[in-house]
Amino acid sequence: MILGHNAIKRMIEEKKLVITPMHEDTIRECGVDLRLYSDIAIPPLTHRNLWTMEWIELPIDLMGFCNLRSTYARKGLIIPSTVIDPCFVGHLVIEVFNANAHEVKLNTGERFLHVVFARVEDAIPYFGQYQYQKPVKF
């Protein structure tokens, strides 16, 4: 089951889902928008890793599907299928490819990523190498 606005809001209020910092426009109709950690210019036909500004903590019964916001897809940016596993804690790193013949610039604080949350049954928690990751400059 995919969580809608009110279910996400309730989980955050009950501290079952953590998203920090929280902005007024973070929670959307059926997901959340996350912001870019720092300015970046992506040259044509190049991959870059983008960090989210937000720190997130998922419970064992929740996972997230990451999607590039359509504004950036319309500018020719592409991301691979990306999921957030149950019990993930940290900032997200999203690989982005610029499929254009021109550079694309993104600015700190822009909402670039949309995450759709879904309930999970009988999951095992994520304890991989990216647990507790924090932004770094590349």
N, C-alpha and C. Protein backbone atom coordinates (compact mmCIF):
# COMPACT_ATOMS: atom_id res chain seq x y z
N MET A 1 0.83 -1.16 0.00
CA MET A 1 0.00 0.00 0.00
C MET A 1 0.89 1.25 0.00
N ILE A 2 0.59 2.16 -0.86
CA ILE A 2 1.32 3.43 -0.95
C ILE A 2 0.70 4.41 0.04
N LEU A 3 1.55 5.14 0.76
CA LEU A 3 1.07 6.09 1.75
C LEU A 3 0.76 7.44 1.12
N GLY A 4 -0.38 7.99 1.50
CA GLY A 4 -0.78 9.31 1.05
C GLY A 4 -0.34 10.38 2.04
N HIS A 5 -0.67 11.61 1.72
CA HIS A 5 -0.28 12.78 2.50
C HIS A 5 -0.54 12.62 4.00
N ASN A 6 -1.78 12.28 4.36
CA ASN A 6 -2.16 12.21 5.76
C ASN A 6 -1.44 11.08 6.50
N ALA A 7 -1.26 9.95 5.85
CA ALA A 7 -0.55 8.82 6.48
C ALA A 7 0.92 9.18 6.73
N ILE A 8 1.54 9.85 5.76
CA ILE A 8 2.94 10.27 5.92
C ILE A 8 3.05 11.27 7.07
N LYS A 9 2.16 12.23 7.08
CA LYS A 9 2.16 13.25 8.13
C LYS A 9 2.00 12.60 9.51
N ARG A 10 1.09 11.65 9.62
CA ARG A 10 0.85 10.95 10.88
C ARG A 10 2.11 10.18 11.32
N MET A 11 2.77 9.49 10.38
CA MET A 11 3.98 8.74 10.73
C MET A 11 5.09 9.68 11.22
N ILE A 12 5.19 10.85 10.62
CA ILE A 12 6.19 11.83 11.05
C ILE A 12 5.84 12.37 12.44
N GLU A 13 4.58 12.70 12.65
CA GLU A 13 4.14 13.19 13.96
C GLU A 13 4.38 12.16 15.06
N GLU A 14 4.19 10.88 14.74
CA GLU A 14 4.39 9.79 15.71
C GLU A 14 5.85 9.37 15.80
N LYS A 15 6.72 10.05 15.03
CA LYS A 15 8.17 9.79 15.00
C LYS A 15 8.51 8.37 14.54
N LYS A 16 7.64 7.78 13.73
CA LYS A 16 7.93 6.49 13.11
C LYS A 16 8.74 6.69 11.83
N LEU A 17 8.59 7.84 11.20
CA LEU A 17 9.33 8.24 10.02
C LEU A 17 9.98 9.58 10.35
N VAL A 18 11.28 9.69 10.12
CA VAL A 18 12.00 10.92 10.42
C VAL A 18 12.50 11.54 9.12
N ILE A 19 12.20 12.82 8.93
CA ILE A 19 12.72 13.60 7.81
C ILE A 19 13.12 14.96 8.38
N THR A 20 14.43 15.25 8.34
CA THR A 20 14.95 16.48 8.93
C THR A 20 15.96 17.12 7.99
N PRO A 21 15.87 18.40 7.66
CA PRO A 21 14.83 19.33 8.10
C PRO A 21 13.52 19.10 7.35
N MET A 22 12.45 19.53 7.98
CA MET A 22 11.12 19.43 7.39
C MET A 22 10.69 20.82 6.94
N HIS A 23 10.23 20.92 5.70
CA HIS A 23 9.75 22.19 5.17
C HIS A 23 8.24 22.09 4.96
N GLU A 24 7.59 23.23 4.84
CA GLU A 24 6.15 23.25 4.67
C GLU A 24 5.70 22.47 3.43
N ASP A 25 6.52 22.49 2.38
CA ASP A 25 6.15 21.81 1.13
C ASP A 25 6.82 20.44 0.96
N THR A 26 7.36 19.87 2.03
CA THR A 26 8.01 18.55 1.93
C THR A 26 7.00 17.45 1.64
N ILE A 27 5.92 17.41 2.44
CA ILE A 27 4.92 16.35 2.26
C ILE A 27 3.99 16.74 1.13
N ARG A 28 3.92 15.87 0.13
CA ARG A 28 3.10 16.14 -1.05
C ARG A 28 1.84 15.28 -1.01
N GLU A 29 1.18 15.13 -2.13
CA GLU A 29 -0.08 14.38 -2.20
C GLU A 29 0.10 12.92 -1.83
N CYS A 30 1.13 12.29 -2.40
CA CYS A 30 1.37 10.87 -2.11
C CYS A 30 2.87 10.57 -2.05
N GLY A 31 3.58 11.41 -1.32
CA GLY A 31 5.01 11.21 -1.15
C GLY A 31 5.63 12.45 -0.54
N VAL A 32 6.95 12.52 -0.59
CA VAL A 32 7.66 13.69 -0.09
C VAL A 32 8.65 14.17 -1.14
N ASP A 33 8.91 15.47 -1.14
CA ASP A 33 9.93 16.05 -1.99
C ASP A 33 11.16 16.34 -1.14
N LEU A 34 12.32 15.92 -1.60
CA LEU A 34 13.56 16.17 -0.88
C LEU A 34 14.40 17.17 -1.67
N ARG A 35 15.25 17.88 -0.95
CA ARG A 35 15.99 19.01 -1.50
C ARG A 35 17.46 18.67 -1.75
N LEU A 36 18.04 19.43 -2.65
CA LEU A 36 19.44 19.27 -3.01
C LEU A 36 20.34 19.88 -1.94
N TYR A 37 21.38 19.15 -1.56
CA TYR A 37 22.29 19.57 -0.50
C TYR A 37 23.19 20.73 -0.92
N SER A 38 23.68 20.71 -2.16
CA SER A 38 24.59 21.79 -2.58
C SER A 38 24.48 22.04 -4.08
N ASP A 39 24.87 23.25 -4.49
CA ASP A 39 24.86 23.62 -5.91
C ASP A 39 25.67 22.61 -6.71
N ILE A 40 25.20 22.36 -7.93
CA ILE A 40 25.96 21.48 -8.81
C ILE A 40 25.64 21.83 -10.26
N ALA A 41 26.65 21.73 -11.10
CA ALA A 41 26.49 21.86 -12.55
C ALA A 41 26.86 20.51 -13.14
N ILE A 42 25.95 19.94 -13.91
CA ILE A 42 26.19 18.62 -14.49
C ILE A 42 26.47 18.80 -15.98
N PRO A 43 27.71 18.52 -16.40
CA PRO A 43 28.05 18.66 -17.82
C PRO A 43 27.24 17.70 -18.69
N PRO A 44 27.18 17.94 -19.99
CA PRO A 44 26.46 17.05 -20.90
C PRO A 44 27.01 15.62 -20.84
N LEU A 45 26.10 14.67 -20.94
CA LEU A 45 26.44 13.24 -21.01
C LEU A 45 27.34 12.79 -19.85
N THR A 46 27.04 13.28 -18.66
CA THR A 46 27.86 13.01 -17.49
C THR A 46 27.00 12.56 -16.31
N HIS A 47 27.55 11.65 -15.50
CA HIS A 47 26.92 11.21 -14.25
C HIS A 47 27.43 12.06 -13.10
N ARG A 48 26.56 12.33 -12.14
CA ARG A 48 26.95 12.98 -10.88
C ARG A 48 26.13 12.36 -9.76
N ASN A 49 26.69 12.37 -8.56
CA ASN A 49 25.95 11.95 -7.38
C ASN A 49 25.43 13.19 -6.66
N LEU A 50 24.13 13.19 -6.38
CA LEU A 50 23.51 14.31 -5.69
C LEU A 50 23.07 13.85 -4.30
N TRP A 51 23.38 14.65 -3.30
CA TRP A 51 23.00 14.39 -1.92
C TRP A 51 21.72 15.13 -1.59
N THR A 52 20.88 14.50 -0.77
CA THR A 52 19.71 15.21 -0.26
C THR A 52 20.11 16.02 0.96
N MET A 53 19.44 17.12 1.14
CA MET A 53 19.62 17.96 2.32
C MET A 53 19.08 17.24 3.55
N GLU A 54 18.03 16.46 3.35
CA GLU A 54 17.33 15.84 4.46
C GLU A 54 18.00 14.56 4.96
N TRP A 55 17.97 14.39 6.25
CA TRP A 55 18.33 13.16 6.94
C TRP A 55 17.03 12.38 7.08
N ILE A 56 17.02 11.10 6.70
CA ILE A 56 15.79 10.32 6.84
C ILE A 56 16.05 9.05 7.65
N GLU A 57 15.02 8.58 8.31
CA GLU A 57 15.05 7.34 9.08
C GLU A 57 13.75 6.60 8.81
N LEU A 58 13.85 5.42 8.22
CA LEU A 58 12.67 4.63 7.91
C LEU A 58 12.49 3.51 8.93
N PRO A 59 11.25 3.19 9.27
CA PRO A 59 10.99 2.05 10.14
C PRO A 59 11.07 0.74 9.34
N ILE A 60 10.97 -0.38 10.03
CA ILE A 60 11.09 -1.71 9.41
C ILE A 60 9.96 -2.01 8.42
N ASP A 61 8.82 -1.35 8.57
CA ASP A 61 7.66 -1.68 7.72
C ASP A 61 7.42 -0.65 6.61
N LEU A 62 8.47 0.11 6.26
CA LEU A 62 8.32 1.14 5.23
C LEU A 62 9.52 1.14 4.30
N MET A 63 9.27 1.35 3.01
CA MET A 63 10.33 1.51 2.01
C MET A 63 9.95 2.67 1.11
N GLY A 64 10.93 3.17 0.36
CA GLY A 64 10.66 4.30 -0.51
C GLY A 64 11.13 4.06 -1.94
N PHE A 65 10.34 4.54 -2.89
CA PHE A 65 10.69 4.54 -4.30
C PHE A 65 11.12 5.97 -4.65
N CYS A 66 12.33 6.15 -5.16
CA CYS A 66 12.85 7.48 -5.49
C CYS A 66 12.62 7.79 -6.96
N ASN A 67 12.10 8.98 -7.20
CA ASN A 67 11.85 9.45 -8.56
C ASN A 67 12.36 10.88 -8.69
N LEU A 68 12.93 11.19 -9.83
CA LEU A 68 13.32 12.56 -10.11
C LEU A 68 12.05 13.37 -10.32
N ARG A 69 11.98 14.57 -9.78
CA ARG A 69 10.81 15.41 -10.02
C ARG A 69 10.73 15.72 -11.51
N SER A 70 9.53 15.81 -12.03
CA SER A 70 9.34 15.95 -13.47
C SER A 70 9.99 17.21 -14.04
N THR A 71 10.12 18.24 -13.24
CA THR A 71 10.79 19.46 -13.69
C THR A 71 12.19 19.14 -14.22
N TYR A 72 12.90 18.25 -13.53
CA TYR A 72 14.27 17.91 -13.91
C TYR A 72 14.30 16.84 -14.99
N ALA A 73 13.35 15.96 -15.00
CA ALA A 73 13.26 14.99 -16.09
C ALA A 73 13.02 15.73 -17.41
N ARG A 74 12.24 16.78 -17.35
CA ARG A 74 11.97 17.57 -18.56
C ARG A 74 13.18 18.35 -19.03
N LYS A 75 14.16 18.50 -18.15
CA LYS A 75 15.42 19.15 -18.52
C LYS A 75 16.43 18.13 -19.04
N GLY A 76 16.04 16.85 -19.11
CA GLY A 76 16.91 15.83 -19.67
C GLY A 76 17.72 15.05 -18.65
N LEU A 77 17.42 15.20 -17.35
CA LEU A 77 18.12 14.42 -16.34
C LEU A 77 17.42 13.09 -16.13
N ILE A 78 18.22 12.08 -15.81
CA ILE A 78 17.71 10.71 -15.64
C ILE A 78 18.34 10.13 -14.38
N ILE A 79 17.55 9.37 -13.60
CA ILE A 79 18.11 8.61 -12.49
C ILE A 79 17.75 7.14 -12.67
N PRO A 80 18.61 6.23 -12.19
CA PRO A 80 18.26 4.80 -12.25
C PRO A 80 17.21 4.49 -11.19
N SER A 81 16.59 3.33 -11.30
CA SER A 81 15.67 2.88 -10.26
C SER A 81 16.39 2.90 -8.93
N THR A 82 15.80 3.55 -7.96
CA THR A 82 16.43 3.68 -6.65
C THR A 82 15.39 3.44 -5.58
N VAL A 83 15.70 2.55 -4.65
CA VAL A 83 14.81 2.28 -3.53
C VAL A 83 15.51 2.60 -2.21
N ILE A 84 14.72 2.97 -1.23
CA ILE A 84 15.21 3.17 0.13
C ILE A 84 14.71 1.96 0.92
N ASP A 85 15.62 1.19 1.46
CA ASP A 85 15.26 -0.03 2.18
C ASP A 85 14.73 0.27 3.58
N PRO A 86 13.91 -0.65 4.13
CA PRO A 86 13.44 -0.51 5.50
C PRO A 86 14.63 -0.34 6.46
N CYS A 87 14.47 0.53 7.42
CA CYS A 87 15.45 0.83 8.47
C CYS A 87 16.66 1.62 7.97
N PHE A 88 16.61 2.13 6.73
CA PHE A 88 17.71 2.99 6.28
C PHE A 88 17.72 4.26 7.12
N VAL A 89 18.93 4.70 7.45
CA VAL A 89 19.12 5.95 8.20
C VAL A 89 20.25 6.73 7.53
N GLY A 90 20.01 7.99 7.18
CA GLY A 90 21.06 8.81 6.61
C GLY A 90 20.53 9.75 5.55
N HIS A 91 21.47 10.41 4.87
CA HIS A 91 21.15 11.25 3.72
C HIS A 91 21.16 10.34 2.49
N LEU A 92 20.33 10.63 1.52
CA LEU A 92 20.31 9.85 0.29
C LEU A 92 21.31 10.40 -0.71
N VAL A 93 21.91 9.51 -1.47
CA VAL A 93 22.75 9.87 -2.60
C VAL A 93 22.08 9.31 -3.84
N ILE A 94 21.80 10.19 -4.79
CA ILE A 94 21.09 9.79 -6.00
C ILE A 94 21.99 10.05 -7.20
N GLU A 95 22.22 9.01 -7.98
CA GLU A 95 23.01 9.17 -9.20
C GLU A 95 22.13 9.79 -10.27
N VAL A 96 22.64 10.84 -10.91
CA VAL A 96 21.91 11.55 -11.96
C VAL A 96 22.76 11.57 -13.22
N PHE A 97 22.11 11.35 -14.35
CA PHE A 97 22.78 11.42 -15.64
C PHE A 97 22.16 12.56 -16.44
N ASN A 98 23.01 13.42 -17.00
CA ASN A 98 22.55 14.50 -17.86
C ASN A 98 22.60 14.01 -19.30
N ALA A 99 21.45 13.74 -19.88
CA ALA A 99 21.36 13.22 -21.24
C ALA A 99 21.34 14.33 -22.30
N ASN A 100 21.55 15.56 -21.88
CA ASN A 100 21.53 16.71 -22.78
C ASN A 100 22.86 16.95 -23.46
N ALA A 101 22.82 17.84 -24.45
CA ALA A 101 24.04 18.33 -25.09
C ALA A 101 24.51 19.61 -24.41
N HIS A 102 23.83 20.02 -23.34
CA HIS A 102 24.22 21.22 -22.60
C HIS A 102 24.24 20.94 -21.09
N GLU A 103 24.94 21.78 -20.37
CA GLU A 103 25.06 21.66 -18.92
C GLU A 103 23.71 21.98 -18.24
N VAL A 104 23.44 21.27 -17.14
CA VAL A 104 22.26 21.55 -16.33
C VAL A 104 22.72 21.92 -14.92
N LYS A 105 22.22 23.06 -14.43
CA LYS A 105 22.60 23.53 -13.09
C LYS A 105 21.44 23.35 -12.14
N LEU A 106 21.77 22.90 -10.93
CA LEU A 106 20.80 22.78 -9.85
C LEU A 106 21.35 23.54 -8.66
N ASN A 107 20.45 24.14 -7.90
CA ASN A 107 20.86 24.99 -6.79
C ASN A 107 20.50 24.37 -5.44
N THR A 108 21.32 24.70 -4.46
CA THR A 108 21.08 24.25 -3.09
C THR A 108 19.64 24.54 -2.68
N GLY A 109 19.01 23.55 -2.08
CA GLY A 109 17.66 23.73 -1.55
C GLY A 109 16.54 23.47 -2.53
N GLU A 110 16.86 23.22 -3.81
CA GLU A 110 15.80 22.92 -4.77
C GLU A 110 15.22 21.54 -4.49
N ARG A 111 13.90 21.43 -4.61
CA ARG A 111 13.25 20.12 -4.49
C ARG A 111 13.52 19.37 -5.79
N PHE A 112 14.36 18.33 -5.73
CA PHE A 112 14.72 17.62 -6.96
C PHE A 112 14.26 16.17 -6.96
N LEU A 113 13.96 15.63 -5.79
CA LEU A 113 13.66 14.20 -5.67
C LEU A 113 12.29 14.01 -5.04
N HIS A 114 11.50 13.10 -5.59
CA HIS A 114 10.20 12.74 -5.01
C HIS A 114 10.28 11.30 -4.53
N VAL A 115 9.89 11.06 -3.29
CA VAL A 115 9.92 9.71 -2.72
C VAL A 115 8.49 9.28 -2.42
N VAL A 116 8.13 8.10 -2.94
CA VAL A 116 6.83 7.49 -2.68
C VAL A 116 7.08 6.37 -1.68
N PHE A 117 6.34 6.39 -0.56
CA PHE A 117 6.51 5.37 0.48
C PHE A 117 5.47 4.28 0.35
N ALA A 118 5.91 3.04 0.62
CA ALA A 118 5.00 1.89 0.58
C ALA A 118 5.24 1.03 1.82
N ARG A 119 4.18 0.44 2.31
CA ARG A 119 4.27 -0.49 3.45
C ARG A 119 4.93 -1.78 2.99
N VAL A 120 5.69 -2.38 3.90
CA VAL A 120 6.39 -3.63 3.62
C VAL A 120 6.05 -4.64 4.70
N GLU A 121 5.84 -5.90 4.32
CA GLU A 121 5.59 -6.96 5.30
C GLU A 121 6.80 -7.88 5.36
N ASP A 122 7.15 -8.29 6.56
CA ASP A 122 8.20 -9.29 6.79
C ASP A 122 9.55 -8.91 6.17
N ALA A 123 9.91 -7.65 6.24
CA ALA A 123 11.20 -7.19 5.70
C ALA A 123 12.32 -7.48 6.69
N ILE A 124 13.54 -7.45 6.17
CA ILE A 124 14.70 -7.46 7.06
C ILE A 124 15.28 -6.05 7.01
N PRO A 125 15.88 -5.58 8.10
CA PRO A 125 16.39 -4.21 8.12
C PRO A 125 17.66 -4.04 7.29
N TYR A 126 17.83 -2.86 6.75
CA TYR A 126 19.03 -2.51 6.00
C TYR A 126 20.16 -2.21 6.98
N PHE A 127 21.29 -2.87 6.77
CA PHE A 127 22.49 -2.59 7.56
C PHE A 127 23.70 -2.50 6.64
N GLY A 128 23.49 -2.00 5.43
CA GLY A 128 24.54 -1.94 4.41
C GLY A 128 25.55 -0.83 4.64
N GLN A 129 26.45 -0.72 3.68
CA GLN A 129 27.57 0.22 3.78
C GLN A 129 27.17 1.69 3.76
N TYR A 130 25.96 1.99 3.32
CA TYR A 130 25.54 3.39 3.22
C TYR A 130 24.70 3.85 4.41
N GLN A 131 24.54 2.96 5.40
CA GLN A 131 23.80 3.35 6.60
C GLN A 131 24.53 4.51 7.29
N TYR A 132 23.79 5.52 7.70
CA TYR A 132 24.30 6.71 8.42
C TYR A 132 25.19 7.60 7.55
N GLN A 133 25.06 7.53 6.21
CA GLN A 133 25.90 8.37 5.36
C GLN A 133 25.53 9.84 5.47
N LYS A 134 26.57 10.67 5.37
CA LYS A 134 26.41 12.11 5.44
C LYS A 134 27.03 12.73 4.19
N PRO A 135 26.53 13.91 3.78
CA PRO A 135 27.04 14.55 2.56
C PRO A 135 28.53 14.81 2.59
N VAL A 136 29.15 14.59 1.44
CA VAL A 136 30.55 14.93 1.22
C VAL A 136 30.64 15.64 -0.12
N LYS A 137 31.67 16.39 -0.30
CA LYS A 137 31.90 17.05 -1.59
C LYS A 137 32.68 16.10 -2.49
N PHE A 138 32.26 16.01 -3.74
CA PHE A 138 32.96 15.16 -4.71
C PHE A 138 33.88 16.00 -5.57
